[in-house]
Structure formats: structure tokens, C-alpha cells
Amino acid sequence: MINNEKLSLLKSPYSPFVQLGVVFTLMMLFLIGHRLFGGAERDPLTAWWIAGSFVLFFAFFNAIIGLATKAKGKYQIFSIPAFLGIVLLSAIAAELFSGVSIHDAGSYRWIFIVIAIVYLVFLAITNLMRTIIEIAIDQDKKLRNEE
């Protein structure tokens, strides 16, 4: 059995860059399916909707998985560039699949901005939750004289 504590964060399944790869692959499958089944001709902006959905999916699960990691500081240092990467790759893919730039996509530009703000809020909430839980565990240990 592999000792997960000895593995680098970048090599672990919790790595934000592994998450980026998985989410980007899923998004590309959806975009290709959308294109193959004729969705691009009916509504080209659906590609932007798909891209935004997967960026939000990444933001939510990245913040949740951050609760389970032991190296909190390292995880967040890698999470923010991974988030920026998924935003950039999603915008490029949506533009290529839709033929519409983000400036011409109307409200989808604002959706990406709101998702970026929501991501930062998710990170703050998970950090706060983790800190509260750590304080509660420490207090519990003190009350039980286990320290």
C-alpha cells in the first residue's frame, strides 16, 4: 500500500492539476457531443454555457476536496493557478467550438467573473470551516486532558 503522506501533492489524486485535467476532459467530451449532435448550429452560445458549468463544477469540488487534504497551504497555492487554467482553457475551448468570442457572448463574460468570485468565497468558507473544526478538536483534547 502506498503511503499518501510521502507523495507530493502534485502526484496525488487530490492535486488541483489532476482535477483540472479531469474537468477539462469532461468538458471537452460535452463540447464535442454538443457539436456532433448539431447543437452548435441551433445555439452557438451553448458552448459558453457548458464551459461555465464546468468551471463552476471545478470551483465547487476543488474547494470541497481542499477540506480533505493535509497540506492546506500547498493545496491552495496550486489551486488558484489550476482555477485560472481551467477558466482560460474553458474560454478558449468555448470560443473555438462556438465561433463567438467572450466579448460577443453577452452575459457569459459576467458569468465567468461571478464564478471567479464564487470560487474565492468557496475557498474562504472551506478555510473557515477547517479552522473551526481544528479549534474544536484542540479544545476537545484539552477538555479530555489528552494533550
C-alpha atoms as a PDB file:
ATOM      1  CA  MET A   1       0.000   0.000   0.000  1.00  0.00           C
ATOM      2  CA  ILE A   2       1.276   3.473  -0.865  1.00  0.00           C
ATOM      3  CA  ASN A   3       1.854   5.937   1.953  1.00  0.00           C
ATOM      4  CA  ASN A   4      -0.046   9.050   0.828  1.00  0.00           C
ATOM      5  CA  GLU A   5       1.871  11.318   3.202  1.00  0.00           C
ATOM      6  CA  LYS A   6       5.101  10.696   1.281  1.00  0.00           C
ATOM      7  CA  LEU A   7       3.545  11.516  -2.071  1.00  0.00           C
ATOM      8  CA  SER A   8       3.901  15.000  -3.422  1.00  0.00           C
ATOM      9  CA  LEU A   9       0.674  16.954  -3.693  1.00  0.00           C
ATOM     10  CA  LEU A  10       1.157  17.225  -7.453  1.00  0.00           C
ATOM     11  CA  LYS A  11       1.318  13.436  -7.813  1.00  0.00           C
ATOM     12  CA  SER A  12      -1.689  12.706  -5.619  1.00  0.00           C
ATOM     13  CA  PRO A  13      -5.235  12.259  -6.923  1.00  0.00           C
ATOM     14  CA  TYR A  14      -6.135  15.359  -4.923  1.00  0.00           C
ATOM     15  CA  SER A  15      -3.818  17.544  -6.973  1.00  0.00           C
ATOM     16  CA  PRO A  16      -5.606  20.598  -8.351  1.00  0.00           C
ATOM     17  CA  PHE A  17      -3.866  19.991 -11.680  1.00  0.00           C
ATOM     18  CA  VAL A  18      -5.229  16.431 -11.842  1.00  0.00           C
ATOM     19  CA  GLN A  19      -8.664  17.900 -11.134  1.00  0.00           C
ATOM     20  CA  LEU A  20      -8.095  20.435 -13.909  1.00  0.00           C
ATOM     21  CA  GLY A  21      -7.259  17.633 -16.352  1.00  0.00           C
ATOM     22  CA  VAL A  22     -10.307  15.581 -15.403  1.00  0.00           C
ATOM     23  CA  VAL A  23     -12.728  18.516 -15.571  1.00  0.00           C
ATOM     24  CA  PHE A  24     -11.258  19.786 -18.840  1.00  0.00           C
ATOM     25  CA  THR A  25     -11.524  16.315 -20.388  1.00  0.00           C
ATOM     26  CA  LEU A  26     -15.163  16.007 -19.320  1.00  0.00           C
ATOM     27  CA  MET A  27     -15.909  19.478 -20.650  1.00  0.00           C
ATOM     28  CA  MET A  28     -14.307  18.643 -23.993  1.00  0.00           C
ATOM     29  CA  LEU A  29     -16.417  15.478 -24.232  1.00  0.00           C
ATOM     30  CA  PHE A  30     -19.556  17.543 -23.664  1.00  0.00           C
ATOM     31  CA  LEU A  31     -18.468  20.171 -26.193  1.00  0.00           C
ATOM     32  CA  ILE A  32     -17.650  17.522 -28.802  1.00  0.00           C
ATOM     33  CA  GLY A  33     -21.003  15.825 -28.165  1.00  0.00           C
ATOM     34  CA  HIS A  34     -22.754  19.157 -28.488  1.00  0.00           C
ATOM     35  CA  ARG A  35     -21.003  19.774 -31.795  1.00  0.00           C
ATOM     36  CA  LEU A  36     -21.607  16.242 -33.144  1.00  0.00           C
ATOM     37  CA  PHE A  37     -25.312  16.303 -32.388  1.00  0.00           C
ATOM     38  CA  GLY A  38     -25.857  19.622 -34.140  1.00  0.00           C
ATOM     39  CA  GLY A  39     -26.233  21.827 -31.088  1.00  0.00           C
ATOM     40  CA  ALA A  40     -23.704  24.344 -32.368  1.00  0.00           C
ATOM     41  CA  GLU A  41     -25.908  25.211 -35.340  1.00  0.00           C
ATOM     42  CA  ARG A  42     -29.015  25.723 -33.179  1.00  0.00           C
ATOM     43  CA  ASP A  43     -27.387  27.770 -30.406  1.00  0.00           C
ATOM     44  CA  PRO A  44     -23.668  28.501 -30.565  1.00  0.00           C
ATOM     45  CA  LEU A  45     -23.715  30.128 -27.120  1.00  0.00           C
ATOM     46  CA  THR A  46     -24.455  26.752 -25.517  1.00  0.00           C
ATOM     47  CA  ALA A  47     -20.716  26.080 -25.705  1.00  0.00           C
ATOM     48  CA  TRP A  48     -20.208  29.033 -23.350  1.00  0.00           C
ATOM     49  CA  TRP A  49     -22.879  27.658 -21.043  1.00  0.00           C
ATOM     50  CA  ILE A  50     -21.147  24.254 -20.968  1.00  0.00           C
ATOM     51  CA  ALA A  51     -17.757  25.867 -20.300  1.00  0.00           C
ATOM     52  CA  GLY A  52     -19.142  27.993 -17.471  1.00  0.00           C
ATOM     53  CA  SER A  53     -20.847  24.978 -15.936  1.00  0.00           C
ATOM     54  CA  PHE A  54     -17.627  23.003 -15.841  1.00  0.00           C
ATOM     55  CA  VAL A  55     -15.674  25.928 -14.394  1.00  0.00           C
ATOM     56  CA  LEU A  56     -18.264  26.102 -11.593  1.00  0.00           C
ATOM     57  CA  PHE A  57     -18.034  22.305 -11.191  1.00  0.00           C
ATOM     58  CA  PHE A  58     -14.248  22.628 -10.802  1.00  0.00           C
ATOM     59  CA  ALA A  59     -14.576  25.501  -8.317  1.00  0.00           C
ATOM     60  CA  PHE A  60     -17.027  23.643  -6.103  1.00  0.00           C
ATOM     61  CA  PHE A  61     -15.240  20.302  -5.983  1.00  0.00           C
ATOM     62  CA  ASN A  62     -11.795  21.869  -5.736  1.00  0.00           C
ATOM     63  CA  ALA A  63     -12.876  23.730  -2.606  1.00  0.00           C
ATOM     64  CA  ILE A  64     -14.524  20.625  -1.120  1.00  0.00           C
ATOM     65  CA  ILE A  65     -11.513  18.401  -1.812  1.00  0.00           C
ATOM     66  CA  GLY A  66      -9.385  21.065  -0.133  1.00  0.00           C
ATOM     67  CA  LEU A  67     -11.057  20.096   3.143  1.00  0.00           C
ATOM     68  CA  ALA A  68      -9.674  16.557   2.871  1.00  0.00           C
ATOM     69  CA  THR A  69      -6.080  17.459   2.114  1.00  0.00           C
ATOM     70  CA  LYS A  70      -3.488  17.607   4.857  1.00  0.00           C
ATOM     71  CA  ALA A  71      -1.231  20.173   3.178  1.00  0.00           C
ATOM     72  CA  LYS A  72      -3.697  23.076   3.245  1.00  0.00           C
ATOM     73  CA  GLY A  73      -1.214  25.792   2.253  1.00  0.00           C
ATOM     74  CA  LYS A  74       0.310  23.852  -0.641  1.00  0.00           C
ATOM     75  CA  TYR A  75      -3.114  22.836  -1.884  1.00  0.00           C
ATOM     76  CA  GLN A  76      -4.314  26.426  -2.120  1.00  0.00           C
ATOM     77  CA  ILE A  77      -1.094  27.610  -3.709  1.00  0.00           C
ATOM     78  CA  PHE A  78      -1.703  25.111  -6.528  1.00  0.00           C
ATOM     79  CA  SER A  79      -5.493  25.523  -6.587  1.00  0.00           C
ATOM     80  CA  ILE A  80      -5.591  29.130  -7.688  1.00  0.00           C
ATOM     81  CA  PRO A  81      -3.343  28.627 -10.767  1.00  0.00           C
ATOM     82  CA  ALA A  82      -5.324  25.479 -11.597  1.00  0.00           C
ATOM     83  CA  PHE A  83      -8.545  27.500 -11.412  1.00  0.00           C
ATOM     84  CA  LEU A  84      -7.091  30.185 -13.656  1.00  0.00           C
ATOM     85  CA  GLY A  85      -6.012  27.411 -16.020  1.00  0.00           C
ATOM     86  CA  ILE A  86      -9.482  25.876 -16.237  1.00  0.00           C
ATOM     87  CA  VAL A  87     -11.003  29.326 -16.822  1.00  0.00           C
ATOM     88  CA  LEU A  88      -8.534  30.076 -19.615  1.00  0.00           C
ATOM     89  CA  LEU A  89      -8.808  26.642 -21.245  1.00  0.00           C
ATOM     90  CA  SER A  90     -12.604  26.705 -20.988  1.00  0.00           C
ATOM     91  CA  ALA A  91     -12.818  30.141 -22.569  1.00  0.00           C
ATOM     92  CA  ILE A  92     -10.533  29.083 -25.422  1.00  0.00           C
ATOM     93  CA  ALA A  93     -12.477  25.851 -25.984  1.00  0.00           C
ATOM     94  CA  ALA A  94     -15.852  27.627 -25.868  1.00  0.00           C
ATOM     95  CA  GLU A  95     -14.656  30.226 -28.349  1.00  0.00           C
ATOM     96  CA  LEU A  96     -13.328  27.541 -30.696  1.00  0.00           C
ATOM     97  CA  PHE A  97     -16.496  25.440 -30.503  1.00  0.00           C
ATOM     98  CA  SER A  98     -18.962  28.320 -30.709  1.00  0.00           C
ATOM     99  CA  GLY A  99     -17.129  30.714 -33.006  1.00  0.00           C
ATOM    100  CA  VAL A 100     -18.205  33.523 -30.679  1.00  0.00           C
ATOM    101  CA  SER A 101     -15.681  35.490 -28.645  1.00  0.00           C
ATOM    102  CA  ILE A 102     -16.281  36.112 -24.959  1.00  0.00           C
ATOM    103  CA  HIS A 103     -16.895  39.786 -25.727  1.00  0.00           C
ATOM    104  CA  ASP A 104     -19.700  38.865 -28.124  1.00  0.00           C
ATOM    105  CA  ALA A 105     -21.126  36.161 -25.843  1.00  0.00           C
ATOM    106  CA  GLY A 106     -23.075  38.727 -23.832  1.00  0.00           C
ATOM    107  CA  SER A 107     -23.738  37.790 -20.237  1.00  0.00           C
ATOM    108  CA  TYR A 108     -21.426  34.782 -20.313  1.00  0.00           C
ATOM    109  CA  ARG A 109     -18.471  37.070 -19.617  1.00  0.00           C
ATOM    110  CA  TRP A 110     -20.170  38.145 -16.402  1.00  0.00           C
ATOM    111  CA  ILE A 111     -20.919  34.531 -15.544  1.00  0.00           C
ATOM    112  CA  PHE A 112     -17.184  33.784 -15.644  1.00  0.00           C
ATOM    113  CA  ILE A 113     -16.475  36.811 -13.418  1.00  0.00           C
ATOM    114  CA  VAL A 114     -19.147  35.754 -10.921  1.00  0.00           C
ATOM    115  CA  ILE A 115     -17.820  32.175 -10.875  1.00  0.00           C
ATOM    116  CA  ALA A 116     -14.324  33.514 -10.115  1.00  0.00           C
ATOM    117  CA  ILE A 117     -15.707  35.474  -7.164  1.00  0.00           C
ATOM    118  CA  VAL A 118     -17.729  32.454  -6.027  1.00  0.00           C
ATOM    119  CA  TYR A 119     -14.573  30.327  -6.160  1.00  0.00           C
ATOM    120  CA  LEU A 120     -12.785  32.701  -3.809  1.00  0.00           C
ATOM    121  CA  VAL A 121     -15.808  32.618  -1.492  1.00  0.00           C
ATOM    122  CA  PHE A 122     -15.790  28.778  -1.599  1.00  0.00           C
ATOM    123  CA  LEU A 123     -12.112  28.785  -0.609  1.00  0.00           C
ATOM    124  CA  ALA A 124     -12.757  31.221   2.227  1.00  0.00           C
ATOM    125  CA  ILE A 125     -15.699  29.195   3.540  1.00  0.00           C
ATOM    126  CA  THR A 126     -13.788  25.911   3.440  1.00  0.00           C
ATOM    127  CA  ASN A 127     -10.809  27.522   5.191  1.00  0.00           C
ATOM    128  CA  LEU A 128     -13.096  28.909   7.861  1.00  0.00           C
ATOM    129  CA  MET A 129     -14.803  25.549   8.320  1.00  0.00           C
ATOM    130  CA  ARG A 130     -11.476  23.774   8.570  1.00  0.00           C
ATOM    131  CA  THR A 131     -10.139  26.296  11.103  1.00  0.00           C
ATOM    132  CA  ILE A 132     -13.275  25.995  13.253  1.00  0.00           C
ATOM    133  CA  ILE A 133     -13.045  22.194  13.182  1.00  0.00           C
ATOM    134  CA  GLU A 134      -9.341  22.287  14.132  1.00  0.00           C
ATOM    135  CA  ILE A 135     -10.076  24.645  17.041  1.00  0.00           C
ATOM    136  CA  ALA A 136     -12.924  22.407  18.209  1.00  0.00           C
ATOM    137  CA  ILE A 137     -10.699  19.315  18.080  1.00  0.00           C
ATOM    138  CA  ASP A 138      -7.971  21.111  20.043  1.00  0.00           C
ATOM    139  CA  GLN A 139     -10.492  22.258  22.664  1.00  0.00           C
ATOM    140  CA  ASP A 140     -11.891  18.748  22.924  1.00  0.00           C
ATOM    141  CA  LYS A 141      -8.409  17.352  23.506  1.00  0.00           C
ATOM    142  CA  LYS A 142      -7.776  19.951  26.212  1.00  0.00           C
ATOM    143  CA  LEU A 143     -11.051  19.115  27.960  1.00  0.00           C
ATOM    144  CA  ARG A 144     -10.176  15.407  27.929  1.00  0.00           C
ATOM    145  CA  ASN A 145      -6.632  16.119  29.115  1.00  0.00           C
ATOM    146  CA  GLU A 146      -5.235  14.293  26.105  1.00  0.00           C
ATOM    147  CA  GLU A 147      -2.680  16.958  25.280  1.00  0.00           C
END
